[in-house]
Amino acid sequence: MINEAKLLEFVRPYYANKDIMHNMWHIELVRKLDFMEKNVLDKSNCYLPETIPLCEEMNEYTNSFFEEIVKEIR
């Protein structure tokens, strides 16, 4: 069973500053950005010579898009 006093003590700072759902959304977004940074950016490789320029273009676009997002979020 949840102790109501402890629950209110935990939740009160979220309500004092912002909406709790916004805070949770922001936390999840930061976690997704960290995953993307570690596992997605510059991880794609192209092995066919004719696709290498497309792959490089895709990586450049993804990296610049990621940088724009990070500036706004973090």
PDB file of N, CA and C in Angstrom:
ATOM      1  N   MET A   1       0.833  -1.178   0.000  1.00  0.00           N
ATOM      2  CA  MET A   1       0.000   0.000   0.000  1.00  0.00           C
ATOM      3  C   MET A   1       0.886   1.253   0.000  1.00  0.00           C
ATOM      4  N   ILE A   2       0.490   2.260  -0.711  1.00  0.00           N
ATOM      5  CA  ILE A   2       1.266   3.493  -0.843  1.00  0.00           C
ATOM      6  C   ILE A   2       0.980   4.417   0.336  1.00  0.00           C
ATOM      7  N   ASN A   3       2.044   4.924   0.922  1.00  0.00           N
ATOM      8  CA  ASN A   3       1.911   5.897   1.997  1.00  0.00           C
ATOM      9  C   ASN A   3       1.590   7.249   1.357  1.00  0.00           C
ATOM     10  N   GLU A   4       0.412   7.790   1.635  1.00  0.00           N
ATOM     11  CA  GLU A   4      -0.027   9.033   0.991  1.00  0.00           C
ATOM     12  C   GLU A   4       0.889  10.211   1.295  1.00  0.00           C
ATOM     13  N   ALA A   5       1.375  10.298   2.513  1.00  0.00           N
ATOM     14  CA  ALA A   5       2.242  11.420   2.881  1.00  0.00           C
ATOM     15  C   ALA A   5       3.530  11.402   2.062  1.00  0.00           C
ATOM     16  N   LYS A   6       4.129  10.220   1.914  1.00  0.00           N
ATOM     17  CA  LYS A   6       5.368  10.122   1.129  1.00  0.00           C
ATOM     18  C   LYS A   6       5.102  10.378  -0.348  1.00  0.00           C
ATOM     19  N   LEU A   7       3.975   9.903  -0.842  1.00  0.00           N
ATOM     20  CA  LEU A   7       3.614  10.150  -2.224  1.00  0.00           C
ATOM     21  C   LEU A   7       3.447  11.646  -2.489  1.00  0.00           C
ATOM     22  N   LEU A   8       2.738  12.338  -1.624  1.00  0.00           N
ATOM     23  CA  LEU A   8       2.559  13.785  -1.779  1.00  0.00           C
ATOM     24  C   LEU A   8       3.889  14.527  -1.687  1.00  0.00           C
ATOM     25  N   GLU A   9       4.743  14.073  -0.791  1.00  0.00           N
ATOM     26  CA  GLU A   9       6.069  14.701  -0.655  1.00  0.00           C
ATOM     27  C   GLU A   9       6.878  14.530  -1.939  1.00  0.00           C
ATOM     28  N   PHE A  10       6.749  13.370  -2.575  1.00  0.00           N
ATOM     29  CA  PHE A  10       7.474  13.099  -3.818  1.00  0.00           C
ATOM     30  C   PHE A  10       6.907  13.904  -4.985  1.00  0.00           C
ATOM     31  N   VAL A  11       5.598  14.009  -5.075  1.00  0.00           N
ATOM     32  CA  VAL A  11       4.939  14.628  -6.212  1.00  0.00           C
ATOM     33  C   VAL A  11       4.894  16.153  -6.128  1.00  0.00           C
ATOM     34  N   ARG A  12       4.877  16.704  -4.945  1.00  0.00           N
ATOM     35  CA  ARG A  12       4.722  18.154  -4.757  1.00  0.00           C
ATOM     36  C   ARG A  12       5.709  18.998  -5.577  1.00  0.00           C
ATOM     37  N   PRO A  13       7.010  18.695  -5.637  1.00  0.00           N
ATOM     38  CA  PRO A  13       7.930  19.528  -6.441  1.00  0.00           C
ATOM     39  C   PRO A  13       7.568  19.570  -7.924  1.00  0.00           C
ATOM     40  N   TYR A  14       7.032  18.480  -8.455  1.00  0.00           N
ATOM     41  CA  TYR A  14       6.643  18.472  -9.862  1.00  0.00           C
ATOM     42  C   TYR A  14       5.500  19.447 -10.122  1.00  0.00           C
ATOM     43  N   TYR A  15       4.544  19.445  -9.221  1.00  0.00           N
ATOM     44  CA  TYR A  15       3.409  20.338  -9.400  1.00  0.00           C
ATOM     45  C   TYR A  15       3.792  21.788  -9.126  1.00  0.00           C
ATOM     46  N   ALA A  16       4.773  22.012  -8.292  1.00  0.00           N
ATOM     47  CA  ALA A  16       5.197  23.378  -7.972  1.00  0.00           C
ATOM     48  C   ALA A  16       5.860  24.031  -9.186  1.00  0.00           C
ATOM     49  N   ASN A  17       6.617  23.264  -9.951  1.00  0.00           N
ATOM     50  CA  ASN A  17       7.368  23.826 -11.075  1.00  0.00           C
ATOM     51  C   ASN A  17       6.633  23.716 -12.405  1.00  0.00           C
ATOM     52  N   LYS A  18       6.186  22.534 -12.725  1.00  0.00           N
ATOM     53  CA  LYS A  18       5.555  22.294 -14.024  1.00  0.00           C
ATOM     54  C   LYS A  18       4.577  21.137 -13.910  1.00  0.00           C
ATOM     55  N   ASP A  19       3.943  20.906 -14.998  1.00  0.00           N
ATOM     56  CA  ASP A  19       3.055  19.765 -15.108  1.00  0.00           C
ATOM     57  C   ASP A  19       3.880  18.478 -15.057  1.00  0.00           C
ATOM     58  N   ILE A  20       3.443  17.505 -14.267  1.00  0.00           N
ATOM     59  CA  ILE A  20       4.206  16.268 -14.110  1.00  0.00           C
ATOM     60  C   ILE A  20       4.340  15.505 -15.432  1.00  0.00           C
ATOM     61  N   MET A  21       3.313  15.543 -16.265  1.00  0.00           N
ATOM     62  CA  MET A  21       3.392  14.827 -17.543  1.00  0.00           C
ATOM     63  C   MET A  21       4.423  15.468 -18.469  1.00  0.00           C
ATOM     64  N   HIS A  22       4.551  16.781 -18.413  1.00  0.00           N
ATOM     65  CA  HIS A  22       5.578  17.445 -19.215  1.00  0.00           C
ATOM     66  C   HIS A  22       6.955  17.005 -18.747  1.00  0.00           C
ATOM     67  N   ASN A  23       7.165  16.957 -17.440  1.00  0.00           N
ATOM     68  CA  ASN A  23       8.466  16.541 -16.916  1.00  0.00           C
ATOM     69  C   ASN A  23       8.789  15.114 -17.333  1.00  0.00           C
ATOM     70  N   MET A  24       7.806  14.232 -17.264  1.00  0.00           N
ATOM     71  CA  MET A  24       8.040  12.849 -17.651  1.00  0.00           C
ATOM     72  C   MET A  24       8.308  12.753 -19.150  1.00  0.00           C
ATOM     73  N   TRP A  25       7.601  13.546 -19.943  1.00  0.00           N
ATOM     74  CA  TRP A  25       7.831  13.573 -21.384  1.00  0.00           C
ATOM     75  C   TRP A  25       9.256  14.022 -21.670  1.00  0.00           C
ATOM     76  N   HIS A  26       9.698  15.054 -20.970  1.00  0.00           N
ATOM     77  CA  HIS A  26      11.043  15.592 -21.185  1.00  0.00           C
ATOM     78  C   HIS A  26      12.104  14.568 -20.792  1.00  0.00           C
ATOM     79  N   ILE A  27      11.907  13.889 -19.682  1.00  0.00           N
ATOM     80  CA  ILE A  27      12.859  12.859 -19.246  1.00  0.00           C
ATOM     81  C   ILE A  27      12.950  11.755 -20.296  1.00  0.00           C
ATOM     82  N   GLU A  28      11.819  11.305 -20.796  1.00  0.00           N
ATOM     83  CA  GLU A  28      11.811  10.249 -21.808  1.00  0.00           C
ATOM     84  C   GLU A  28      12.477  10.720 -23.098  1.00  0.00           C
ATOM     85  N   LEU A  29      12.255  11.959 -23.468  1.00  0.00           N
ATOM     86  CA  LEU A  29      12.883  12.500 -24.672  1.00  0.00           C
ATOM     87  C   LEU A  29      14.396  12.545 -24.526  1.00  0.00           C
ATOM     88  N   VAL A  30      14.883  12.954 -23.373  1.00  0.00           N
ATOM     89  CA  VAL A  30      16.333  12.990 -23.135  1.00  0.00           C
ATOM     90  C   VAL A  30      16.907  11.581 -23.200  1.00  0.00           C
ATOM     91  N   ARG A  31      16.184  10.604 -22.661  1.00  0.00           N
ATOM     92  CA  ARG A  31      16.650   9.216 -22.737  1.00  0.00           C
ATOM     93  C   ARG A  31      16.719   8.747 -24.192  1.00  0.00           C
ATOM     94  N   LYS A  32      15.736   9.110 -24.997  1.00  0.00           N
ATOM     95  CA  LYS A  32      15.745   8.717 -26.408  1.00  0.00           C
ATOM     96  C   LYS A  32      16.892   9.385 -27.159  1.00  0.00           C
ATOM     97  N   LEU A  33      17.159  10.645 -26.832  1.00  0.00           N
ATOM     98  CA  LEU A  33      18.271  11.340 -27.478  1.00  0.00           C
ATOM     99  C   LEU A  33      19.603  10.698 -27.106  1.00  0.00           C
ATOM    100  N   ASP A  34      19.750  10.300 -25.846  1.00  0.00           N
ATOM    101  CA  ASP A  34      20.972   9.611 -25.442  1.00  0.00           C
ATOM    102  C   ASP A  34      21.146   8.300 -26.201  1.00  0.00           C
ATOM    103  N   PHE A  35      20.039   7.553 -26.349  1.00  0.00           N
ATOM    104  CA  PHE A  35      20.097   6.301 -27.109  1.00  0.00           C
ATOM    105  C   PHE A  35      20.502   6.574 -28.548  1.00  0.00           C
ATOM    106  N   MET A  36      19.893   7.584 -29.136  1.00  0.00           N
ATOM    107  CA  MET A  36      20.197   7.917 -30.522  1.00  0.00           C
ATOM    108  C   MET A  36      21.663   8.294 -30.685  1.00  0.00           C
ATOM    109  N   GLU A  37      22.164   9.072 -29.747  1.00  0.00           N
ATOM    110  CA  GLU A  37      23.558   9.503 -29.813  1.00  0.00           C
ATOM    111  C   GLU A  37      24.517   8.320 -29.707  1.00  0.00           C
ATOM    112  N   LYS A  38      24.188   7.359 -28.857  1.00  0.00           N
ATOM    113  CA  LYS A  38      25.071   6.214 -28.634  1.00  0.00           C
ATOM    114  C   LYS A  38      24.932   5.132 -29.701  1.00  0.00           C
ATOM    115  N   ASN A  39      23.725   4.957 -30.245  1.00  0.00           N
ATOM    116  CA  ASN A  39      23.465   3.788 -31.082  1.00  0.00           C
ATOM    117  C   ASN A  39      23.078   4.060 -32.530  1.00  0.00           C
ATOM    118  N   VAL A  40      22.764   5.301 -32.863  1.00  0.00           N
ATOM    119  CA  VAL A  40      22.269   5.573 -34.210  1.00  0.00           C
ATOM    120  C   VAL A  40      23.205   6.470 -35.014  1.00  0.00           C
ATOM    121  N   LEU A  41      23.616   7.577 -34.427  1.00  0.00           N
ATOM    122  CA  LEU A  41      24.426   8.546 -35.163  1.00  0.00           C
ATOM    123  C   LEU A  41      25.737   7.932 -35.641  1.00  0.00           C
ATOM    124  N   ASP A  42      25.990   8.083 -36.912  1.00  0.00           N
ATOM    125  CA  ASP A  42      27.220   7.596 -37.556  1.00  0.00           C
ATOM    126  C   ASP A  42      27.430   6.093 -37.412  1.00  0.00           C
ATOM    127  N   LYS A  43      26.359   5.352 -37.222  1.00  0.00           N
ATOM    128  CA  LYS A  43      26.477   3.899 -37.095  1.00  0.00           C
ATOM    129  C   LYS A  43      26.107   3.166 -38.383  1.00  0.00           C
ATOM    130  N   SER A  44      25.507   3.858 -39.314  1.00  0.00           N
ATOM    131  CA  SER A  44      25.118   3.185 -40.565  1.00  0.00           C
ATOM    132  C   SER A  44      26.304   3.151 -41.514  1.00  0.00           C
ATOM    133  N   ASN A  45      26.463   2.010 -42.135  1.00  0.00           N
ATOM    134  CA  ASN A  45      27.542   1.821 -43.103  1.00  0.00           C
ATOM    135  C   ASN A  45      26.952   1.334 -44.415  1.00  0.00           C
ATOM    136  N   CYS A  46      27.497   1.837 -45.491  1.00  0.00           N
ATOM    137  CA  CYS A  46      27.080   1.396 -46.813  1.00  0.00           C
ATOM    138  C   CYS A  46      28.239   0.637 -47.437  1.00  0.00           C
ATOM    139  N   TYR A  47      27.917  -0.483 -48.039  1.00  0.00           N
ATOM    140  CA  TYR A  47      28.960  -1.325 -48.605  1.00  0.00           C
ATOM    141  C   TYR A  47      28.969  -1.311 -50.131  1.00  0.00           C
ATOM    142  N   LEU A  48      27.881  -0.889 -50.720  1.00  0.00           N
ATOM    143  CA  LEU A  48      27.853  -0.786 -52.177  1.00  0.00           C
ATOM    144  C   LEU A  48      28.417   0.570 -52.596  1.00  0.00           C
ATOM    145  N   PRO A  49      29.341   0.598 -53.494  1.00  0.00           N
ATOM    146  CA  PRO A  49      29.968   1.861 -53.883  1.00  0.00           C
ATOM    147  C   PRO A  49      28.976   2.935 -54.323  1.00  0.00           C
ATOM    148  N   GLU A  50      27.918   2.533 -55.013  1.00  0.00           N
ATOM    149  CA  GLU A  50      26.962   3.526 -55.497  1.00  0.00           C
ATOM    150  C   GLU A  50      26.086   4.105 -54.379  1.00  0.00           C
ATOM    151  N   THR A  51      26.042   3.458 -53.231  1.00  0.00           N
ATOM    152  CA  THR A  51      25.217   3.969 -52.126  1.00  0.00           C
ATOM    153  C   THR A  51      26.009   4.764 -51.091  1.00  0.00           C
ATOM    154  N   ILE A  52      27.311   4.751 -51.173  1.00  0.00           N
ATOM    155  CA  ILE A  52      28.138   5.459 -50.194  1.00  0.00           C
ATOM    156  C   ILE A  52      27.813   6.957 -50.137  1.00  0.00           C
ATOM    157  N   PRO A  53      27.695   7.658 -51.264  1.00  0.00           N
ATOM    158  CA  PRO A  53      27.337   9.084 -51.176  1.00  0.00           C
ATOM    159  C   PRO A  53      25.969   9.316 -50.521  1.00  0.00           C
ATOM    160  N   LEU A  54      25.007   8.463 -50.796  1.00  0.00           N
ATOM    161  CA  LEU A  54      23.684   8.596 -50.166  1.00  0.00           C
ATOM    162  C   LEU A  54      23.763   8.374 -48.658  1.00  0.00           C
ATOM    163  N   CYS A  55      24.545   7.402 -48.274  1.00  0.00           N
ATOM    164  CA  CYS A  55      24.719   7.102 -46.849  1.00  0.00           C
ATOM    165  C   CYS A  55      25.392   8.269 -46.129  1.00  0.00           C
ATOM    166  N   GLU A  56      26.404   8.846 -46.747  1.00  0.00           N
ATOM    167  CA  GLU A  56      27.077  10.003 -46.154  1.00  0.00           C
ATOM    168  C   GLU A  56      26.125  11.184 -46.029  1.00  0.00           C
ATOM    169  N   GLU A  57      25.316  11.403 -47.043  1.00  0.00           N
ATOM    170  CA  GLU A  57      24.334  12.482 -47.003  1.00  0.00           C
ATOM    171  C   GLU A  57      23.311  12.241 -45.882  1.00  0.00           C
ATOM    172  N   MET A  58      22.881  11.001 -45.757  1.00  0.00           N
ATOM    173  CA  MET A  58      21.935  10.647 -44.701  1.00  0.00           C
ATOM    174  C   MET A  58      22.549  10.895 -43.322  1.00  0.00           C
ATOM    175  N   ASN A  59      23.797  10.502 -43.130  1.00  0.00           N
ATOM    176  CA  ASN A  59      24.468  10.712 -41.851  1.00  0.00           C
ATOM    177  C   ASN A  59      24.625  12.206 -41.540  1.00  0.00           C
ATOM    178  N   GLU A  60      24.972  12.992 -42.530  1.00  0.00           N
ATOM    179  CA  GLU A  60      25.102  14.439 -42.326  1.00  0.00           C
ATOM    180  C   GLU A  60      23.768  15.059 -41.918  1.00  0.00           C
ATOM    181  N   TYR A  61      22.711  14.671 -42.623  1.00  0.00           N
ATOM    182  CA  TYR A  61      21.383  15.202 -42.305  1.00  0.00           C
ATOM    183  C   TYR A  61      20.957  14.787 -40.895  1.00  0.00           C
ATOM    184  N   THR A  62      21.148  13.519 -40.563  1.00  0.00           N
ATOM    185  CA  THR A  62      20.756  13.013 -39.248  1.00  0.00           C
ATOM    186  C   THR A  62      21.527  13.722 -38.140  1.00  0.00           C
ATOM    187  N   ASN A  63      22.812  13.919 -38.342  1.00  0.00           N
ATOM    188  CA  ASN A  63      23.629  14.599 -37.334  1.00  0.00           C
ATOM    189  C   ASN A  63      23.201  16.051 -37.153  1.00  0.00           C
ATOM    190  N   SER A  64      22.931  16.752 -38.227  1.00  0.00           N
ATOM    191  CA  SER A  64      22.511  18.152 -38.103  1.00  0.00           C
ATOM    192  C   SER A  64      21.122  18.250 -37.473  1.00  0.00           C
ATOM    193  N   PHE A  65      20.223  17.343 -37.835  1.00  0.00           N
ATOM    194  CA  PHE A  65      18.891  17.309 -37.234  1.00  0.00           C
ATOM    195  C   PHE A  65      18.996  17.044 -35.734  1.00  0.00           C
ATOM    196  N   PHE A  66      19.843  16.103 -35.361  1.00  0.00           N
ATOM    197  CA  PHE A  66      20.050  15.775 -33.954  1.00  0.00           C
ATOM    198  C   PHE A  66      20.594  16.984 -33.187  1.00  0.00           C
ATOM    199  N   GLU A  67      21.554  17.674 -33.755  1.00  0.00           N
ATOM    200  CA  GLU A  67      22.125  18.860 -33.098  1.00  0.00           C
ATOM    201  C   GLU A  67      21.074  19.938 -32.869  1.00  0.00           C
ATOM    202  N   GLU A  68      20.187  20.147 -33.838  1.00  0.00           N
ATOM    203  CA  GLU A  68      19.117  21.133 -33.679  1.00  0.00           C
ATOM    204  C   GLU A  68      18.176  20.760 -32.548  1.00  0.00           C
ATOM    205  N   ILE A  69      17.827  19.496 -32.489  1.00  0.00           N
ATOM    206  CA  ILE A  69      16.936  19.036 -31.425  1.00  0.00           C
ATOM    207  C   ILE A  69      17.587  19.209 -30.062  1.00  0.00           C
ATOM    208  N   VAL A  70      18.833  18.813 -29.958  1.00  0.00           N
ATOM    209  CA  VAL A  70      19.534  18.870 -28.672  1.00  0.00           C
ATOM    210  C   VAL A  70      19.645  20.304 -28.173  1.00  0.00           C
ATOM    211  N   LYS A  71      19.875  21.256 -29.069  1.00  0.00           N
ATOM    212  CA  LYS A  71      19.950  22.666 -28.665  1.00  0.00           C
ATOM    213  C   LYS A  71      18.658  23.131 -28.013  1.00  0.00           C
ATOM    214  N   GLU A  72      17.537  22.657 -28.519  1.00  0.00           N
ATOM    215  CA  GLU A  72      16.236  23.086 -28.006  1.00  0.00           C
ATOM    216  C   GLU A  72      15.834  22.355 -26.737  1.00  0.00           C
ATOM    217  N   ILE A  73      16.289  21.129 -26.575  1.00  0.00           N
ATOM    218  CA  ILE A  73      15.810  20.282 -25.487  1.00  0.00           C
ATOM    219  C   ILE A  73      16.689  20.355 -24.246  1.00  0.00           C
ATOM    220  N   ARG A  74      17.978  20.232 -24.426  1.00  0.00           N
ATOM    221  CA  ARG A  74      18.867  20.126 -23.245  1.00  0.00           C
ATOM    222  C   ARG A  74      19.211  21.463 -22.681  1.00  0.00           C
TER     223      ARG A  74
END
